[in-house]
Amino acid sequence: MVDISPLAGATHPKTNKSDDALRAAAEALETEFLTEMLKPAGLGKTSETFGGGIGEEQFASFLRREQASEMARHGGIGLAESIFEALKKRVGDGG
C-alpha cells in the first residue's frame, strides 16, 4: 500500500523571513483595526433576553478579537495586504 499525502510532490516557493515578519505585523494591525470596528457594529453585544449576563459582557472582547483575527487571516478587508506592500517598499528603500 502506498501512502499518498496531500502535499506529496507539492512545491512551495521559498519565502523570505523578513517578508513573513512584515506580513505578520500587517495582519496584526488589520486584526486590531477590525477588532475596534466590530465594537460599534454591535458584534458581541449581549442579548436582552437569554443573555449570558455579566460573564458574557466580560468576555465579548475576546470573541471580537478572535473573530477579527480570523477575518484578517482569511483576507479581511485588504488592509493587511496594503500595509504589507507599504512596509516592503519602505524596507526595500532602506528605511
Protein backbone atom coordinates (compact mmCIF):
# COMPACT_ATOMS: atom_id res chain seq x y z
CA MET A 1 0.00 0.00 0.00
CA VAL A 2 1.35 3.42 -0.98
CA ASP A 3 0.82 6.31 1.39
CA ILE A 4 -0.04 9.45 -0.56
CA SER A 5 -0.24 12.64 1.43
CA PRO A 6 -2.00 15.75 0.11
CA LEU A 7 1.35 17.54 -0.03
CA ALA A 8 3.20 14.82 -1.93
CA GLY A 9 5.07 16.43 -4.79
CA ALA A 10 3.83 19.91 -3.91
CA THR A 11 6.40 22.64 -4.29
CA HIS A 12 6.34 25.71 -2.13
CA PRO A 13 8.08 28.91 -3.15
CA LYS A 14 10.83 29.98 -0.82
CA THR A 15 9.66 32.75 1.43
CA ASN A 16 11.78 35.49 2.82
CA LYS A 17 11.76 35.57 6.64
CA SER A 18 11.68 39.36 6.51
CA ASP A 19 8.55 39.23 4.33
CA ASP A 20 6.96 36.77 6.76
CA ALA A 21 7.62 39.15 9.65
CA LEU A 22 6.24 42.12 7.71
CA ARG A 23 3.15 40.17 6.70
CA ALA A 24 2.56 39.07 10.31
CA ALA A 25 2.87 42.66 11.51
CA ALA A 26 0.47 43.89 8.82
CA GLU A 27 -2.04 41.16 9.67
CA ALA A 28 -1.79 42.01 13.38
CA LEU A 29 -2.52 45.65 12.62
CA GLU A 30 -5.54 44.72 10.50
CA THR A 31 -6.74 42.48 13.34
CA GLU A 32 -6.56 45.40 15.78
CA PHE A 33 -8.37 47.67 13.33
CA LEU A 34 -11.14 45.14 12.71
CA THR A 35 -11.50 44.48 16.45
CA GLU A 36 -12.13 48.17 17.05
CA MET A 37 -14.51 48.44 14.09
CA LEU A 38 -16.57 45.46 15.24
CA LYS A 39 -17.38 47.15 18.58
CA PRO A 40 -19.69 49.86 17.18
CA ALA A 41 -21.13 47.30 14.76
CA GLY A 42 -22.57 45.55 17.81
CA LEU A 43 -20.70 42.28 17.42
CA GLY A 44 -20.52 40.60 20.80
CA LYS A 45 -23.30 42.74 22.24
CA THR A 46 -25.20 40.78 24.87
CA SER A 47 -28.76 39.77 24.17
CA GLU A 48 -31.52 41.40 26.21
CA THR A 49 -33.25 38.05 26.65
CA PHE A 50 -31.45 34.83 27.45
CA GLY A 51 -28.13 36.64 27.53
CA GLY A 52 -25.10 35.42 29.41
CA GLY A 53 -25.15 38.31 31.84
CA ILE A 54 -22.04 39.96 33.19
CA GLY A 55 -19.85 36.99 32.24
CA GLU A 56 -20.80 37.31 28.59
CA GLU A 57 -20.11 41.04 28.68
CA GLN A 58 -16.67 40.46 30.22
CA PHE A 59 -15.58 38.02 27.53
CA ALA A 60 -17.18 39.69 24.49
CA SER A 61 -13.91 41.49 23.69
CA PHE A 62 -12.08 38.16 23.41
CA LEU A 63 -14.70 36.90 20.98
CA ARG A 64 -14.45 40.08 18.87
CA ARG A 65 -10.65 39.81 18.76
CA GLU A 66 -10.74 36.15 17.65
CA GLN A 67 -13.35 36.89 15.01
CA ALA A 68 -11.30 39.85 13.76
CA SER A 69 -8.19 37.67 13.72
CA GLU A 70 -9.91 35.04 11.59
CA MET A 71 -11.24 37.72 9.25
CA ALA A 72 -7.74 39.17 8.79
CA ARG A 73 -6.23 35.70 8.33
CA HIS A 74 -8.66 34.97 5.52
CA GLY A 75 -8.13 38.20 3.61
CA GLY A 76 -10.06 40.65 5.77
CA ILE A 77 -10.75 43.93 4.05
CA GLY A 78 -7.41 44.07 2.26
CA LEU A 79 -5.81 46.39 4.77
CA ALA A 80 -3.07 43.92 5.73
CA GLU A 81 -2.02 43.50 2.11
CA SER A 82 -1.81 47.28 1.61
CA ILE A 83 0.20 47.68 4.81
CA PHE A 84 2.47 44.79 3.84
CA GLU A 85 3.22 46.31 0.43
CA ALA A 86 3.94 49.72 2.00
CA LEU A 87 6.24 48.16 4.62
CA LYS A 88 8.02 46.11 1.98
CA LYS A 89 8.70 49.24 -0.09
CA ARG A 90 9.92 51.06 2.99
CA VAL A 91 12.29 48.26 3.98
CA GLY A 92 13.45 47.92 0.37
CA ASP A 93 14.29 51.65 0.28
CA GLY A 94 16.47 51.27 3.33
CA GLY A 95 14.03 52.84 5.81
